[in-house]
Amino acid sequence: MHRRLSLVETFGLAPVSERLRETLLALRGDGLTPPSRFGVSSLGIFQPALAASLWLGLRPRDRRVPIYNFFNRTPTPEAEGWSVRKTQPCDFRGGTRTYDSHNGTDFAVSPGTVVVAAAPARVVRVSSEFNRGGLKVMLDHGHGVMTVSVHLGRALVRVGDVVARGEPVALSGTSGLDFIVSLGLSAPHVHYNVWLDGLPVDPFARPGEESLWRCRNDPAPHAGPPDAAVPATRFALERVAEGLAACRDQALASRIAALPDLGARAAALIFHLNYYPTRFTRRVSPYAEEHPRRGLLDLPFRAADFVGARL
């Protein structure tokens, strides 16, 4: 059993001075980061009834984790900043269960839910950015695939750990500015990013497209024996250097360049390209080769808690 999350862990409120600085960055922006954009259409994201049940710790009777928002297939331009408005939403089914800049899948779960590795992986980053979703655990699964679990309450792993498919990596929370400004109307959830060759991709497939879930578009938790073989990831030194040369934030580029090995630099580059894309003049994939979409991932929760996802 894991120790219960504190209120500070759940909302990711410490350190206070850093959280205040990141809040101002989200609301006002800076020379390299546009402010986040909200509007009346943002209210369409909220599901108060679902939020209330999850805040109370209730689990769905069918043991299927509800999906709160899907990946938006028609995002607004990154140069315009992070938009929480619903002006051009389109999920993989052609529906509108998403919003402008939503580049992941939201699994609605109560705070304290165990989050697991969706495939064997190496832990490449654990960090918290209040203006960009709070506490995160970033995993490298090989095959060009990285995943990031966001809005966490507590990380259960450290950078450098190798984790098996289905192994716990974190406890979910509601960390990040999103939950503070929504005043409890936003359903607690794990925002789940999937990146292929450094680019955000929808793990769900449209007709004629390969799903990144092993069970096609019906992701299920891993219930078999441990699967811990992690393929090696090949990054290209010259492509990492090219990506850093495209960074407009010289202090950030210097911090990434100072990391001890090529893999750490590549992972940091991918992270910042996706969470702070306006700090770069262009995207450069640090991988040595391209990788196709393939069914690799399971639902990032325990089979003891859920049997699948509710689309």
C-alpha atoms as a PDB file:
ATOM      1  CA  MET A   1       0.000   0.000   0.000  1.00  0.00           C
ATOM      2  CA  HIS A   2       1.182   3.517  -0.763  1.00  0.00           C
ATOM      3  CA  ARG A   3       1.008   6.327   1.771  1.00  0.00           C
ATOM      4  CA  ARG A   4      -1.984   8.569   1.101  1.00  0.00           C
ATOM      5  CA  LEU A   5      -1.312  11.751  -0.860  1.00  0.00           C
ATOM      6  CA  SER A   6      -1.152  14.994   1.064  1.00  0.00           C
ATOM      7  CA  LEU A   7      -3.059  18.053  -0.165  1.00  0.00           C
ATOM      8  CA  VAL A   8       0.239  19.660  -1.221  1.00  0.00           C
ATOM      9  CA  GLU A   9       1.184  16.552  -3.237  1.00  0.00           C
ATOM     10  CA  THR A  10      -2.258  16.237  -4.826  1.00  0.00           C
ATOM     11  CA  PHE A  11      -2.222  19.783  -6.191  1.00  0.00           C
ATOM     12  CA  GLY A  12       1.562  20.066  -6.611  1.00  0.00           C
ATOM     13  CA  LEU A  13       1.716  23.284  -4.587  1.00  0.00           C
ATOM     14  CA  ALA A  14       5.343  23.201  -3.433  1.00  0.00           C
ATOM     15  CA  PRO A  15       7.625  25.083  -3.643  1.00  0.00           C
ATOM     16  CA  VAL A  16       5.221  28.021  -3.435  1.00  0.00           C
ATOM     17  CA  SER A  17       7.547  30.658  -4.921  1.00  0.00           C
ATOM     18  CA  GLU A  18       8.229  28.503  -7.988  1.00  0.00           C
ATOM     19  CA  ARG A  19       4.528  27.750  -8.449  1.00  0.00           C
ATOM     20  CA  LEU A  20       3.678  31.466  -8.343  1.00  0.00           C
ATOM     21  CA  ARG A  21       6.338  32.213 -10.958  1.00  0.00           C
ATOM     22  CA  GLU A  22       5.015  29.464 -13.235  1.00  0.00           C
ATOM     23  CA  THR A  23       1.441  30.692 -12.764  1.00  0.00           C
ATOM     24  CA  LEU A  24       2.446  34.158 -13.953  1.00  0.00           C
ATOM     25  CA  LEU A  25       4.221  32.608 -16.926  1.00  0.00           C
ATOM     26  CA  ALA A  26       1.017  30.808 -17.934  1.00  0.00           C
ATOM     27  CA  LEU A  27      -1.161  33.903 -17.537  1.00  0.00           C
ATOM     28  CA  ARG A  28       1.185  36.568 -18.925  1.00  0.00           C
ATOM     29  CA  GLY A  29       3.740  34.659 -20.982  1.00  0.00           C
ATOM     30  CA  ASP A  30       7.243  35.974 -21.590  1.00  0.00           C
ATOM     31  CA  GLY A  31       9.394  36.924 -24.570  1.00  0.00           C
ATOM     32  CA  LEU A  32       9.502  33.309 -25.775  1.00  0.00           C
ATOM     33  CA  THR A  33       6.228  31.879 -24.453  1.00  0.00           C
ATOM     34  CA  PRO A  34       2.777  33.255 -25.374  1.00  0.00           C
ATOM     35  CA  PRO A  35       0.194  33.356 -22.562  1.00  0.00           C
ATOM     36  CA  SER A  36      -2.311  30.501 -22.355  1.00  0.00           C
ATOM     37  CA  ARG A  37      -5.639  31.226 -24.043  1.00  0.00           C
ATOM     38  CA  PHE A  38      -8.993  30.660 -22.379  1.00  0.00           C
ATOM     39  CA  GLY A  39     -12.514  31.648 -23.419  1.00  0.00           C
ATOM     40  CA  VAL A  40     -16.198  30.944 -22.954  1.00  0.00           C
ATOM     41  CA  SER A  41     -15.831  27.807 -25.077  1.00  0.00           C
ATOM     42  CA  SER A  42     -13.401  26.457 -22.443  1.00  0.00           C
ATOM     43  CA  LEU A  43     -16.424  25.840 -20.208  1.00  0.00           C
ATOM     44  CA  GLY A  44     -17.445  23.074 -22.614  1.00  0.00           C
ATOM     45  CA  ILE A  45     -14.578  20.929 -21.313  1.00  0.00           C
ATOM     46  CA  PHE A  46     -16.023  20.580 -17.822  1.00  0.00           C
ATOM     47  CA  GLN A  47     -18.091  17.564 -16.733  1.00  0.00           C
ATOM     48  CA  PRO A  48     -19.223  18.474 -13.179  1.00  0.00           C
ATOM     49  CA  ALA A  49     -21.007  15.159 -12.479  1.00  0.00           C
ATOM     50  CA  LEU A  50     -17.956  13.096 -13.447  1.00  0.00           C
ATOM     51  CA  ALA A  51     -15.695  15.464 -11.513  1.00  0.00           C
ATOM     52  CA  ALA A  52     -17.797  15.187  -8.350  1.00  0.00           C
ATOM     53  CA  SER A  53     -17.774  11.375  -8.364  1.00  0.00           C
ATOM     54  CA  LEU A  54     -14.012  11.237  -8.831  1.00  0.00           C
ATOM     55  CA  TRP A  55     -13.299  13.854  -6.170  1.00  0.00           C
ATOM     56  CA  LEU A  56     -15.336  11.605  -3.834  1.00  0.00           C
ATOM     57  CA  GLY A  57     -13.131   8.657  -4.775  1.00  0.00           C
ATOM     58  CA  LEU A  58     -15.875   6.682  -6.541  1.00  0.00           C
ATOM     59  CA  ARG A  59     -14.884   4.250  -9.271  1.00  0.00           C
ATOM     60  CA  PRO A  60     -17.027   3.348 -12.305  1.00  0.00           C
ATOM     61  CA  ARG A  61     -19.137   0.235 -11.803  1.00  0.00           C
ATOM     62  CA  ASP A  62     -18.098  -1.200 -15.152  1.00  0.00           C
ATOM     63  CA  ARG A  63     -14.435  -0.821 -14.113  1.00  0.00           C
ATOM     64  CA  ARG A  64     -13.675   1.069 -17.318  1.00  0.00           C
ATOM     65  CA  VAL A  65     -11.707   4.290 -16.922  1.00  0.00           C
ATOM     66  CA  PRO A  66     -13.614   7.191 -18.560  1.00  0.00           C
ATOM     67  CA  ILE A  67     -11.778   9.204 -21.197  1.00  0.00           C
ATOM     68  CA  TYR A  68     -12.238  12.880 -20.430  1.00  0.00           C
ATOM     69  CA  ASN A  69     -10.619  14.357 -23.553  1.00  0.00           C
ATOM     70  CA  PHE A  70      -9.059  12.795 -26.626  1.00  0.00           C
ATOM     71  CA  PHE A  71      -6.114  13.987 -28.733  1.00  0.00           C
ATOM     72  CA  ASN A  72      -7.091  16.891 -31.019  1.00  0.00           C
ATOM     73  CA  ARG A  73      -6.425  15.989 -34.662  1.00  0.00           C
ATOM     74  CA  THR A  74      -6.822  19.646 -35.788  1.00  0.00           C
ATOM     75  CA  PRO A  75      -4.752  21.687 -33.308  1.00  0.00           C
ATOM     76  CA  THR A  76      -4.337  25.440 -33.496  1.00  0.00           C
ATOM     77  CA  PRO A  77      -0.815  26.650 -34.472  1.00  0.00           C
ATOM     78  CA  GLU A  78       1.793  26.217 -31.728  1.00  0.00           C
ATOM     79  CA  ALA A  79       3.063  29.754 -32.356  1.00  0.00           C
ATOM     80  CA  GLU A  80      -0.249  31.110 -31.021  1.00  0.00           C
ATOM     81  CA  GLY A  81       0.319  29.562 -27.602  1.00  0.00           C
ATOM     82  CA  TRP A  82      -1.479  26.922 -25.548  1.00  0.00           C
ATOM     83  CA  SER A  83      -5.231  27.174 -26.156  1.00  0.00           C
ATOM     84  CA  VAL A  84      -7.818  25.653 -23.835  1.00  0.00           C
ATOM     85  CA  ARG A  85     -10.591  26.924 -26.078  1.00  0.00           C
ATOM     86  CA  LYS A  86     -12.807  24.717 -28.252  1.00  0.00           C
ATOM     87  CA  THR A  87     -12.653  26.471 -31.622  1.00  0.00           C
ATOM     88  CA  GLN A  88     -11.583  23.579 -33.872  1.00  0.00           C
ATOM     89  CA  PRO A  89     -11.732  20.314 -31.916  1.00  0.00           C
ATOM     90  CA  CYS A  90     -11.706  16.976 -33.735  1.00  0.00           C
ATOM     91  CA  ASP A  91     -10.936  13.649 -32.060  1.00  0.00           C
ATOM     92  CA  PHE A  92      -9.983  10.446 -33.895  1.00  0.00           C
ATOM     93  CA  ARG A  93     -13.653   9.540 -34.424  1.00  0.00           C
ATOM     94  CA  GLY A  94     -14.489  12.942 -35.889  1.00  0.00           C
ATOM     95  CA  GLY A  95     -16.139  14.079 -32.647  1.00  0.00           C
ATOM     96  CA  THR A  96     -15.441  17.112 -30.461  1.00  0.00           C
ATOM     97  CA  ARG A  97     -14.373  15.482 -27.177  1.00  0.00           C
ATOM     98  CA  THR A  98     -11.171  17.528 -26.998  1.00  0.00           C
ATOM     99  CA  TYR A  99      -9.959  21.154 -27.267  1.00  0.00           C
ATOM    100  CA  ASP A 100      -7.630  23.246 -29.410  1.00  0.00           C
ATOM    101  CA  SER A 101      -4.179  22.440 -28.046  1.00  0.00           C
ATOM    102  CA  HIS A 102      -4.944  19.081 -26.476  1.00  0.00           C
ATOM    103  CA  ASN A 103      -2.086  16.796 -27.508  1.00  0.00           C
ATOM    104  CA  GLY A 104      -2.776  13.805 -25.273  1.00  0.00           C
ATOM    105  CA  THR A 105      -5.467  11.512 -23.868  1.00  0.00           C
ATOM    106  CA  ASP A 106      -7.124  12.328 -20.530  1.00  0.00           C
ATOM    107  CA  PHE A 107      -7.995   9.325 -18.352  1.00  0.00           C
ATOM    108  CA  ALA A 108     -10.424  10.411 -15.616  1.00  0.00           C
ATOM    109  CA  VAL A 109      -9.366   8.829 -12.310  1.00  0.00           C
ATOM    110  CA  SER A 110      -9.529   9.731  -8.627  1.00  0.00           C
ATOM    111  CA  PRO A 111      -6.382  11.206  -7.039  1.00  0.00           C
ATOM    112  CA  GLY A 112      -4.167   8.457  -5.644  1.00  0.00           C
ATOM    113  CA  THR A 113      -4.842   5.988  -8.475  1.00  0.00           C
ATOM    114  CA  VAL A 114      -1.799   3.877  -9.350  1.00  0.00           C
ATOM    115  CA  VAL A 115      -0.328   4.724 -12.764  1.00  0.00           C
ATOM    116  CA  VAL A 116       1.778   2.026 -14.433  1.00  0.00           C
ATOM    117  CA  ALA A 117       4.166   1.681 -17.366  1.00  0.00           C
ATOM    118  CA  ALA A 118       2.158   0.946 -20.525  1.00  0.00           C
ATOM    119  CA  ALA A 119       5.156  -0.965 -21.933  1.00  0.00           C
ATOM    120  CA  PRO A 120       8.685  -1.792 -20.725  1.00  0.00           C
ATOM    121  CA  ALA A 121      10.633   1.442 -20.391  1.00  0.00           C
ATOM    122  CA  ARG A 122      13.470   3.478 -19.002  1.00  0.00           C
ATOM    123  CA  VAL A 123      12.591   6.458 -16.835  1.00  0.00           C
ATOM    124  CA  VAL A 124      14.159   9.469 -18.559  1.00  0.00           C
ATOM    125  CA  ARG A 125      12.610  12.415 -16.711  1.00  0.00           C
ATOM    126  CA  VAL A 126      10.681  13.259 -13.530  1.00  0.00           C
ATOM    127  CA  SER A 127       9.810  16.944 -13.244  1.00  0.00           C
ATOM    128  CA  SER A 128       7.090  19.395 -12.259  1.00  0.00           C
ATOM    129  CA  GLU A 129       6.091  22.478 -14.241  1.00  0.00           C
ATOM    130  CA  PHE A 130       2.971  24.052 -12.707  1.00  0.00           C
ATOM    131  CA  ASN A 131       2.083  25.939 -15.890  1.00  0.00           C
ATOM    132  CA  ARG A 132       2.379  22.779 -17.990  1.00  0.00           C
ATOM    133  CA  GLY A 133       0.483  20.108 -16.099  1.00  0.00           C
ATOM    134  CA  GLY A 134       2.339  19.738 -12.813  1.00  0.00           C
ATOM    135  CA  LEU A 135       4.265  16.585 -11.875  1.00  0.00           C
ATOM    136  CA  LYS A 136       5.226  14.298 -14.774  1.00  0.00           C
ATOM    137  CA  VAL A 137       6.980  10.975 -15.336  1.00  0.00           C
ATOM    138  CA  MET A 138       8.498  10.498 -18.800  1.00  0.00           C
ATOM    139  CA  LEU A 139       9.278   7.003 -20.092  1.00  0.00           C
ATOM    140  CA  ASP A 140      11.277   5.814 -23.111  1.00  0.00           C
ATOM    141  CA  HIS A 141       9.794   2.565 -24.482  1.00  0.00           C
ATOM    142  CA  GLY A 142      12.098   2.213 -27.484  1.00  0.00           C
ATOM    143  CA  HIS A 143      10.781   1.960 -31.056  1.00  0.00           C
ATOM    144  CA  GLY A 144      10.756   5.783 -31.119  1.00  0.00           C
ATOM    145  CA  VAL A 145       7.954   5.869 -28.514  1.00  0.00           C
ATOM    146  CA  MET A 146       7.988   7.966 -25.352  1.00  0.00           C
ATOM    147  CA  THR A 147       5.065   8.521 -22.998  1.00  0.00           C
ATOM    148  CA  VAL A 148       4.477  11.109 -20.288  1.00  0.00           C
ATOM    149  CA  SER A 149       1.962  10.807 -17.448  1.00  0.00           C
ATOM    150  CA  VAL A 150       0.896  14.279 -16.284  1.00  0.00           C
ATOM    151  CA  HIS A 151      -0.986  15.834 -13.304  1.00  0.00           C
ATOM    152  CA  LEU A 152       0.578  13.298 -10.944  1.00  0.00           C
ATOM    153  CA  GLY A 153       0.593  13.442  -7.170  1.00  0.00           C
ATOM    154  CA  ARG A 154       3.705  11.377  -6.461  1.00  0.00           C
ATOM    155  CA  ALA A 155       6.400   9.729  -8.569  1.00  0.00           C
ATOM    156  CA  LEU A 156       7.330   6.176  -7.545  1.00  0.00           C
ATOM    157  CA  VAL A 157      10.399   5.946  -9.792  1.00  0.00           C
ATOM    158  CA  ARG A 158      13.614   7.832 -10.456  1.00  0.00           C
ATOM    159  CA  VAL A 159      15.479   8.767 -13.617  1.00  0.00           C
ATOM    160  CA  GLY A 160      17.485   5.775 -14.809  1.00  0.00           C
ATOM    161  CA  ASP A 161      15.095   3.129 -13.461  1.00  0.00           C
ATOM    162  CA  VAL A 162      14.045   0.346 -15.837  1.00  0.00           C
ATOM    163  CA  VAL A 163      10.396  -0.601 -15.380  1.00  0.00           C
ATOM    164  CA  ALA A 164       8.437  -3.603 -16.623  1.00  0.00           C
ATOM    165  CA  ARG A 165       5.126  -3.442 -18.435  1.00  0.00           C
ATOM    166  CA  GLY A 166       2.457  -2.889 -15.774  1.00  0.00           C
ATOM    167  CA  GLU A 167       4.923  -1.776 -13.071  1.00  0.00           C
ATOM    168  CA  PRO A 168       3.750   1.196 -10.933  1.00  0.00           C
ATOM    169  CA  VAL A 169       5.490   4.471 -11.755  1.00  0.00           C
ATOM    170  CA  ALA A 170       3.326   7.079  -9.977  1.00  0.00           C
ATOM    171  CA  LEU A 171       0.180   7.953  -8.073  1.00  0.00           C
ATOM    172  CA  SER A 172      -2.247  10.201  -9.924  1.00  0.00           C
ATOM    173  CA  GLY A 173      -3.083  13.638  -8.578  1.00  0.00           C
ATOM    174  CA  THR A 174      -4.412  16.952  -9.782  1.00  0.00           C
ATOM    175  CA  SER A 175      -1.161  18.877  -9.942  1.00  0.00           C
ATOM    176  CA  GLY A 176      -0.843  21.854 -12.233  1.00  0.00           C
ATOM    177  CA  LEU A 177      -2.527  25.213 -12.722  1.00  0.00           C
ATOM    178  CA  ASP A 178      -5.411  23.620 -14.666  1.00  0.00           C
ATOM    179  CA  PHE A 179      -7.109  22.313 -11.541  1.00  0.00           C
ATOM    180  CA  ILE A 180      -6.668  25.520  -9.564  1.00  0.00           C
ATOM    181  CA  VAL A 181      -8.322  27.732 -12.183  1.00  0.00           C
ATOM    182  CA  SER A 182     -11.152  25.229 -12.816  1.00  0.00           C
ATOM    183  CA  LEU A 183     -12.269  25.468  -9.157  1.00  0.00           C
ATOM    184  CA  GLY A 184     -12.940  21.731  -8.921  1.00  0.00           C
ATOM    185  CA  LEU A 185     -15.100  21.539 -12.069  1.00  0.00           C
ATOM    186  CA  SER A 186     -12.405  19.764 -14.068  1.00  0.00           C
ATOM    187  CA  ALA A 187     -12.495  16.012 -13.521  1.00  0.00           C
ATOM    188  CA  PRO A 188      -9.325  14.640 -11.886  1.00  0.00           C
ATOM    189  CA  HIS A 189      -7.379  12.899 -14.624  1.00  0.00           C
ATOM    190  CA  VAL A 190      -4.056  11.700 -15.936  1.00  0.00           C
ATOM    191  CA  HIS A 191      -3.138  13.571 -19.099  1.00  0.00           C
ATOM    192  CA  TYR A 192      -1.272  10.953 -21.125  1.00  0.00           C
ATOM    193  CA  ASN A 193       1.125  12.076 -23.854  1.00  0.00           C
ATOM    194  CA  VAL A 194       2.407   9.673 -26.506  1.00  0.00           C
ATOM    195  CA  TRP A 195       5.316  10.880 -28.632  1.00  0.00           C
ATOM    196  CA  LEU A 196       6.614   9.090 -31.732  1.00  0.00           C
ATOM    197  CA  ASP A 197      10.046  10.220 -32.951  1.00  0.00           C
ATOM    198  CA  GLY A 198       9.594  13.254 -30.718  1.00  0.00           C
ATOM    199  CA  LEU A 199       6.228  14.326 -32.148  1.00  0.00           C
ATOM    200  CA  PRO A 200       2.894  14.188 -30.285  1.00  0.00           C
ATOM    201  CA  VAL A 201       0.657  11.478 -31.760  1.00  0.00           C
ATOM    202  CA  ASP A 202      -2.790  10.104 -31.066  1.00  0.00           C
ATOM    203  CA  PRO A 203      -2.479   6.506 -29.802  1.00  0.00           C
ATOM    204  CA  PHE A 204      -5.995   5.845 -31.130  1.00  0.00           C
ATOM    205  CA  ALA A 205      -6.213   5.047 -34.829  1.00  0.00           C
ATOM    206  CA  ARG A 206      -8.398   6.315 -37.600  1.00  0.00           C
ATOM    207  CA  PRO A 207      -9.470   3.824 -40.321  1.00  0.00           C
ATOM    208  CA  GLY A 208      -6.415   2.633 -42.215  1.00  0.00           C
ATOM    209  CA  GLU A 209      -4.059   3.797 -39.449  1.00  0.00           C
ATOM    210  CA  GLU A 210      -2.079   1.635 -37.022  1.00  0.00           C
ATOM    211  CA  SER A 211      -3.109   1.982 -33.377  1.00  0.00           C
ATOM    212  CA  LEU A 212      -0.387   2.409 -30.764  1.00  0.00           C
ATOM    213  CA  TRP A 213      -2.478   0.378 -28.303  1.00  0.00           C
ATOM    214  CA  ARG A 214      -1.803  -3.361 -28.348  1.00  0.00           C
ATOM    215  CA  CYS A 215      -5.573  -3.986 -28.230  1.00  0.00           C
ATOM    216  CA  ARG A 216      -6.239  -1.629 -31.131  1.00  0.00           C
ATOM    217  CA  ASN A 217      -8.676   1.114 -30.076  1.00  0.00           C
ATOM    218  CA  ASP A 218      -9.796  -0.753 -26.954  1.00  0.00           C
ATOM    219  CA  PRO A 219      -6.785  -0.375 -24.623  1.00  0.00           C
ATOM    220  CA  ALA A 220      -6.630  -2.848 -21.758  1.00  0.00           C
ATOM    221  CA  PRO A 221      -4.285  -3.133 -18.760  1.00  0.00           C
ATOM    222  CA  HIS A 222      -1.460  -5.642 -18.746  1.00  0.00           C
ATOM    223  CA  ALA A 223      -2.519  -8.765 -16.893  1.00  0.00           C
ATOM    224  CA  GLY A 224       0.193 -11.239 -17.871  1.00  0.00           C
ATOM    225  CA  PRO A 225       3.705 -12.017 -16.600  1.00  0.00           C
ATOM    226  CA  PRO A 226       6.267  -9.196 -16.320  1.00  0.00           C
ATOM    227  CA  ASP A 227       7.634  -7.943 -19.621  1.00  0.00           C
ATOM    228  CA  ALA A 228      10.826  -5.986 -18.994  1.00  0.00           C
ATOM    229  CA  ALA A 229      12.829  -6.067 -22.234  1.00  0.00           C
ATOM    230  CA  VAL A 230      13.425  -2.449 -23.313  1.00  0.00           C
ATOM    231  CA  PRO A 231      14.824  -1.994 -26.838  1.00  0.00           C
ATOM    232  CA  ALA A 232      17.823   0.303 -27.149  1.00  0.00           C
ATOM    233  CA  THR A 233      17.093   3.786 -28.469  1.00  0.00           C
ATOM    234  CA  ARG A 234      19.451   5.235 -31.068  1.00  0.00           C
ATOM    235  CA  PHE A 235      19.825   9.002 -31.094  1.00  0.00           C
ATOM    236  CA  ALA A 236      21.984  10.947 -33.558  1.00  0.00           C
ATOM    237  CA  LEU A 237      24.551  13.317 -32.054  1.00  0.00           C
ATOM    238  CA  GLU A 238      24.363  15.717 -34.999  1.00  0.00           C
ATOM    239  CA  ARG A 239      20.552  15.861 -34.837  1.00  0.00           C
ATOM    240  CA  VAL A 240      20.598  16.679 -31.128  1.00  0.00           C
ATOM    241  CA  ALA A 241      23.095  19.438 -31.849  1.00  0.00           C
ATOM    242  CA  GLU A 242      20.847  20.684 -34.671  1.00  0.00           C
ATOM    243  CA  GLY A 243      17.864  20.735 -32.324  1.00  0.00           C
ATOM    244  CA  LEU A 244      19.775  22.718 -29.710  1.00  0.00           C
ATOM    245  CA  ALA A 245      20.915  25.183 -32.369  1.00  0.00           C
ATOM    246  CA  ALA A 246      17.212  25.831 -33.088  1.00  0.00           C
ATOM    247  CA  CYS A 247      16.567  26.763 -29.445  1.00  0.00           C
ATOM    248  CA  ARG A 248      15.852  30.494 -29.004  1.00  0.00           C
ATOM    249  CA  ASP A 249      16.458  30.268 -25.243  1.00  0.00           C
ATOM    250  CA  GLN A 250      20.232  30.173 -24.874  1.00  0.00           C
ATOM    251  CA  ALA A 251      20.098  29.397 -21.144  1.00  0.00           C
ATOM    252  CA  LEU A 252      17.849  26.393 -21.815  1.00  0.00           C
ATOM    253  CA  ALA A 253      20.070  25.200 -24.669  1.00  0.00           C
ATOM    254  CA  SER A 254      23.124  25.425 -22.385  1.00  0.00           C
ATOM    255  CA  ARG A 255      21.396  23.427 -19.634  1.00  0.00           C
ATOM    256  CA  ILE A 256      20.444  20.667 -22.064  1.00  0.00           C
ATOM    257  CA  ALA A 257      23.913  20.625 -23.666  1.00  0.00           C
ATOM    258  CA  ALA A 258      25.483  20.199 -20.214  1.00  0.00           C
ATOM    259  CA  LEU A 259      23.592  16.964 -19.488  1.00  0.00           C
ATOM    260  CA  PRO A 260      25.929  13.986 -19.056  1.00  0.00           C
ATOM    261  CA  ASP A 261      25.055  11.787 -22.054  1.00  0.00           C
ATOM    262  CA  LEU A 262      23.412  11.824 -25.466  1.00  0.00           C
ATOM    263  CA  GLY A 263      20.260  10.034 -24.288  1.00  0.00           C
ATOM    264  CA  ALA A 264      19.644  12.562 -21.507  1.00  0.00           C
ATOM    265  CA  ARG A 265      20.162  15.473 -23.913  1.00  0.00           C
ATOM    266  CA  ALA A 266      17.818  13.933 -26.504  1.00  0.00           C
ATOM    267  CA  ALA A 267      15.089  13.268 -23.921  1.00  0.00           C
ATOM    268  CA  ALA A 268      15.330  16.826 -22.562  1.00  0.00           C
ATOM    269  CA  LEU A 269      15.204  18.215 -26.105  1.00  0.00           C
ATOM    270  CA  ILE A 270      12.048  16.202 -26.893  1.00  0.00           C
ATOM    271  CA  PHE A 271      10.435  17.292 -23.633  1.00  0.00           C
ATOM    272  CA  HIS A 272      11.005  21.008 -24.189  1.00  0.00           C
ATOM    273  CA  LEU A 273      10.108  20.846 -27.886  1.00  0.00           C
ATOM    274  CA  ASN A 274       6.699  19.525 -26.864  1.00  0.00           C
ATOM    275  CA  TYR A 275       5.974  21.578 -23.752  1.00  0.00           C
ATOM    276  CA  TYR A 276       7.615  24.834 -24.865  1.00  0.00           C
ATOM    277  CA  PRO A 277       7.645  24.671 -28.700  1.00  0.00           C
ATOM    278  CA  THR A 278       7.775  28.461 -29.146  1.00  0.00           C
ATOM    279  CA  ARG A 279      11.247  28.446 -27.613  1.00  0.00           C
ATOM    280  CA  PHE A 280      12.494  26.776 -30.801  1.00  0.00           C
ATOM    281  CA  THR A 281      12.586  28.056 -34.365  1.00  0.00           C
ATOM    282  CA  ARG A 282      11.744  24.578 -35.690  1.00  0.00           C
ATOM    283  CA  ARG A 283      11.360  20.955 -34.643  1.00  0.00           C
ATOM    284  CA  VAL A 284      14.250  18.534 -35.119  1.00  0.00           C
ATOM    285  CA  SER A 285      13.876  14.834 -34.321  1.00  0.00           C
ATOM    286  CA  PRO A 286      16.934  13.592 -32.391  1.00  0.00           C
ATOM    287  CA  TYR A 287      16.423   9.972 -33.507  1.00  0.00           C
ATOM    288  CA  ALA A 288      18.898   8.225 -35.788  1.00  0.00           C
ATOM    289  CA  GLU A 289      16.059   6.689 -37.842  1.00  0.00           C
ATOM    290  CA  GLU A 290      12.306   6.996 -38.308  1.00  0.00           C
ATOM    291  CA  HIS A 291       9.880   4.589 -36.643  1.00  0.00           C
ATOM    292  CA  PRO A 292       6.429   3.478 -37.840  1.00  0.00           C
ATOM    293  CA  ARG A 293       3.300   3.437 -35.705  1.00  0.00           C
ATOM    294  CA  ARG A 294       2.932   0.052 -33.993  1.00  0.00           C
ATOM    295  CA  GLY A 295       0.774  -1.578 -31.325  1.00  0.00           C
ATOM    296  CA  LEU A 296       3.017  -1.266 -28.276  1.00  0.00           C
ATOM    297  CA  LEU A 297       1.081   0.203 -25.352  1.00  0.00           C
ATOM    298  CA  ASP A 298      -1.365  -1.116 -22.770  1.00  0.00           C
ATOM    299  CA  LEU A 299      -3.685   0.955 -20.600  1.00  0.00           C
ATOM    300  CA  PRO A 300      -1.435   2.751 -18.049  1.00  0.00           C
ATOM    301  CA  PHE A 301      -3.372   1.441 -15.032  1.00  0.00           C
ATOM    302  CA  ARG A 302      -3.484  -1.801 -13.048  1.00  0.00           C
ATOM    303  CA  ALA A 303      -5.682  -4.714 -14.051  1.00  0.00           C
ATOM    304  CA  ALA A 304      -6.800  -4.775 -10.408  1.00  0.00           C
ATOM    305  CA  ASP A 305      -8.347  -1.319 -10.869  1.00  0.00           C
ATOM    306  CA  PHE A 306      -9.693  -1.274 -14.438  1.00  0.00           C
ATOM    307  CA  VAL A 307     -10.541  -3.738 -17.195  1.00  0.00           C
ATOM    308  CA  GLY A 308     -10.381  -1.183 -19.996  1.00  0.00           C
ATOM    309  CA  ALA A 309     -11.298   2.334 -21.097  1.00  0.00           C
ATOM    310  CA  ARG A 310     -14.735   3.836 -21.689  1.00  0.00           C
ATOM    311  CA  LEU A 311     -14.695   5.717 -24.985  1.00  0.00           C
END
